[in-house]
Amino acid sequence: MRARPLSRVWYHPDRIRRPLLKQKDDGRLFRLKKPETLLKSKIDEAVRKAENRVHLITEAVGQPCPNLFDEALKNWKSRPPHIFEPFAYEALKMANQRSSAWTA
């Protein structure tokens, strides 16, 4: 898998090109026209319910990202981000594949 040329993956016809949302009832995927609108509404809903409802998990990143993350989470009445250092991207890839897509 690692030795596969990027062009074979990038131009594969089954590649997901746009954000998709999975429906709860039948599991069908549909295209999101404005994914940032959905994300904002979900965050706003979580913030209204209680404090510390929004969490951010990210790998170690350079400045100014941590400051931006801290400020955003403070505005959402949540704790600072959880920062990890990945030792094996394969495990992260497998976890991502298992979760597959967001659920509406």
C-alpha atoms as a PDB file:
ATOM      1  CA  MET A   1       0.000   0.000   0.000  1.00  0.00           C
ATOM      2  CA  ARG A   2       2.803   2.433   0.809  1.00  0.00           C
ATOM      3  CA  ALA A   3       4.563   1.924  -2.508  1.00  0.00           C
ATOM      4  CA  ARG A   4       1.464   2.671  -4.560  1.00  0.00           C
ATOM      5  CA  PRO A   5       2.028   5.728  -6.739  1.00  0.00           C
ATOM      6  CA  LEU A   6       0.018   8.722  -5.638  1.00  0.00           C
ATOM      7  CA  SER A   7      -1.378   9.209  -9.127  1.00  0.00           C
ATOM      8  CA  ARG A   8      -3.160   5.829  -8.951  1.00  0.00           C
ATOM      9  CA  VAL A   9      -4.906   6.881  -5.753  1.00  0.00           C
ATOM     10  CA  TRP A  10      -5.480  10.506  -6.744  1.00  0.00           C
ATOM     11  CA  TYR A  11      -7.147   9.716 -10.073  1.00  0.00           C
ATOM     12  CA  HIS A  12      -8.982   6.532  -9.009  1.00  0.00           C
ATOM     13  CA  PRO A  13     -12.679   6.736 -10.012  1.00  0.00           C
ATOM     14  CA  ASP A  14     -13.847   5.603  -6.537  1.00  0.00           C
ATOM     15  CA  ARG A  15     -12.021   8.415  -4.761  1.00  0.00           C
ATOM     16  CA  ILE A  16     -14.266  10.663  -2.657  1.00  0.00           C
ATOM     17  CA  ARG A  17     -13.939  14.160  -4.094  1.00  0.00           C
ATOM     18  CA  ARG A  18     -16.426  16.103  -1.986  1.00  0.00           C
ATOM     19  CA  PRO A  19     -17.617  16.018   1.636  1.00  0.00           C
ATOM     20  CA  LEU A  20     -20.372  13.446   2.174  1.00  0.00           C
ATOM     21  CA  LEU A  21     -22.849  12.885   4.984  1.00  0.00           C
ATOM     22  CA  LYS A  22     -24.260   9.482   5.910  1.00  0.00           C
ATOM     23  CA  GLN A  23     -27.995   9.309   6.683  1.00  0.00           C
ATOM     24  CA  LYS A  24     -28.898   7.520   9.914  1.00  0.00           C
ATOM     25  CA  ASP A  25     -31.895   5.588   8.597  1.00  0.00           C
ATOM     26  CA  ASP A  26     -30.568   3.913   5.446  1.00  0.00           C
ATOM     27  CA  GLY A  27     -26.849   4.710   5.463  1.00  0.00           C
ATOM     28  CA  ARG A  28     -26.904   6.413   2.070  1.00  0.00           C
ATOM     29  CA  LEU A  29     -24.341   9.132   1.469  1.00  0.00           C
ATOM     30  CA  PHE A  30     -25.274  12.505   0.075  1.00  0.00           C
ATOM     31  CA  ARG A  31     -23.131  15.454  -0.937  1.00  0.00           C
ATOM     32  CA  LEU A  32     -22.818  18.459   1.345  1.00  0.00           C
ATOM     33  CA  LYS A  33     -23.064  21.776  -0.415  1.00  0.00           C
ATOM     34  CA  LYS A  34     -21.541  23.768   2.473  1.00  0.00           C
ATOM     35  CA  PRO A  35     -19.876  21.453   5.027  1.00  0.00           C
ATOM     36  CA  GLU A  36     -18.707  24.393   7.153  1.00  0.00           C
ATOM     37  CA  THR A  37     -22.377  25.327   7.755  1.00  0.00           C
ATOM     38  CA  LEU A  38     -23.088  21.850   9.140  1.00  0.00           C
ATOM     39  CA  LEU A  39     -19.984  21.978  11.321  1.00  0.00           C
ATOM     40  CA  LYS A  40     -20.897  25.406  12.678  1.00  0.00           C
ATOM     41  CA  SER A  41     -24.455  24.324  13.490  1.00  0.00           C
ATOM     42  CA  LYS A  42     -23.206  21.187  15.302  1.00  0.00           C
ATOM     43  CA  ILE A  43     -20.699  23.221  17.328  1.00  0.00           C
ATOM     44  CA  ASP A  44     -23.314  25.869  18.196  1.00  0.00           C
ATOM     45  CA  GLU A  45     -25.728  23.149  19.310  1.00  0.00           C
ATOM     46  CA  ALA A  46     -23.066  21.542  21.531  1.00  0.00           C
ATOM     47  CA  VAL A  47     -22.099  24.892  23.078  1.00  0.00           C
ATOM     48  CA  ARG A  48     -25.746  25.647  23.918  1.00  0.00           C
ATOM     49  CA  LYS A  49     -26.140  22.318  25.743  1.00  0.00           C
ATOM     50  CA  ALA A  50     -23.253  22.693  28.226  1.00  0.00           C
ATOM     51  CA  GLU A  51     -19.627  23.666  28.722  1.00  0.00           C
ATOM     52  CA  ASN A  52     -16.766  21.428  27.530  1.00  0.00           C
ATOM     53  CA  ARG A  53     -18.877  19.824  24.789  1.00  0.00           C
ATOM     54  CA  VAL A  54     -16.509  20.691  21.928  1.00  0.00           C
ATOM     55  CA  HIS A  55     -13.238  18.771  21.758  1.00  0.00           C
ATOM     56  CA  LEU A  56     -10.359  19.079  19.334  1.00  0.00           C
ATOM     57  CA  ILE A  57      -7.856  16.271  18.833  1.00  0.00           C
ATOM     58  CA  THR A  58      -4.877  17.119  16.650  1.00  0.00           C
ATOM     59  CA  GLU A  59      -1.350  16.049  16.015  1.00  0.00           C
ATOM     60  CA  ALA A  60       1.532  18.291  17.021  1.00  0.00           C
ATOM     61  CA  VAL A  61       1.440  21.340  14.733  1.00  0.00           C
ATOM     62  CA  GLY A  62       3.541  24.473  14.403  1.00  0.00           C
ATOM     63  CA  GLN A  63       2.569  28.000  15.324  1.00  0.00           C
ATOM     64  CA  PRO A  64       0.136  29.774  14.975  1.00  0.00           C
ATOM     65  CA  CYS A  65      -2.267  26.794  14.951  1.00  0.00           C
ATOM     66  CA  PRO A  66      -2.157  25.997  18.707  1.00  0.00           C
ATOM     67  CA  ASN A  67      -2.981  29.625  19.531  1.00  0.00           C
ATOM     68  CA  LEU A  68      -5.884  29.565  17.077  1.00  0.00           C
ATOM     69  CA  PHE A  69      -7.165  26.269  18.514  1.00  0.00           C
ATOM     70  CA  ASP A  70      -6.923  27.594  22.090  1.00  0.00           C
ATOM     71  CA  GLU A  71      -8.791  30.792  21.209  1.00  0.00           C
ATOM     72  CA  ALA A  72     -11.562  28.956  19.317  1.00  0.00           C
ATOM     73  CA  LEU A  73     -12.088  26.426  22.100  1.00  0.00           C
ATOM     74  CA  LYS A  74     -12.122  29.201  24.698  1.00  0.00           C
ATOM     75  CA  ASN A  75     -14.886  30.928  22.701  1.00  0.00           C
ATOM     76  CA  TRP A  76     -16.807  27.638  22.700  1.00  0.00           C
ATOM     77  CA  LYS A  77     -16.412  27.312  26.505  1.00  0.00           C
ATOM     78  CA  SER A  78     -14.267  24.210  26.130  1.00  0.00           C
ATOM     79  CA  ARG A  79     -10.878  22.965  27.280  1.00  0.00           C
ATOM     80  CA  PRO A  80      -7.682  23.352  25.209  1.00  0.00           C
ATOM     81  CA  PRO A  81      -7.058  20.822  22.413  1.00  0.00           C
ATOM     82  CA  HIS A  82      -5.745  17.303  22.938  1.00  0.00           C
ATOM     83  CA  ILE A  83      -2.429  17.193  21.086  1.00  0.00           C
ATOM     84  CA  PHE A  84      -0.772  13.890  20.218  1.00  0.00           C
ATOM     85  CA  GLU A  85       2.344  12.876  18.376  1.00  0.00           C
ATOM     86  CA  PRO A  86       1.559  10.106  15.897  1.00  0.00           C
ATOM     87  CA  PHE A  87       4.037   7.259  15.846  1.00  0.00           C
ATOM     88  CA  ALA A  88       2.170   5.167  13.289  1.00  0.00           C
ATOM     89  CA  TYR A  89      -0.018   6.788  10.656  1.00  0.00           C
ATOM     90  CA  GLU A  90      -1.291   3.338   9.652  1.00  0.00           C
ATOM     91  CA  ALA A  91      -3.207   3.031  12.945  1.00  0.00           C
ATOM     92  CA  LEU A  92      -4.762   6.466  12.424  1.00  0.00           C
ATOM     93  CA  LYS A  93      -5.687   5.559   8.857  1.00  0.00           C
ATOM     94  CA  MET A  94      -7.352   2.329  10.012  1.00  0.00           C
ATOM     95  CA  ALA A  95      -9.334   4.155  12.715  1.00  0.00           C
ATOM     96  CA  ASN A  96     -10.455   6.712  10.144  1.00  0.00           C
ATOM     97  CA  GLN A  97     -11.557   3.994   7.728  1.00  0.00           C
ATOM     98  CA  ARG A  98     -13.570   2.242  10.443  1.00  0.00           C
ATOM     99  CA  SER A  99     -15.439   5.420  11.292  1.00  0.00           C
ATOM    100  CA  SER A 100     -15.916   5.913   7.506  1.00  0.00           C
ATOM    101  CA  ALA A 101     -18.195   8.996   7.358  1.00  0.00           C
ATOM    102  CA  TRP A 102     -20.092  11.419   9.530  1.00  0.00           C
ATOM    103  CA  THR A 103     -23.582  10.397  10.526  1.00  0.00           C
ATOM    104  CA  ALA A 104     -26.449  12.875  10.192  1.00  0.00           C
END
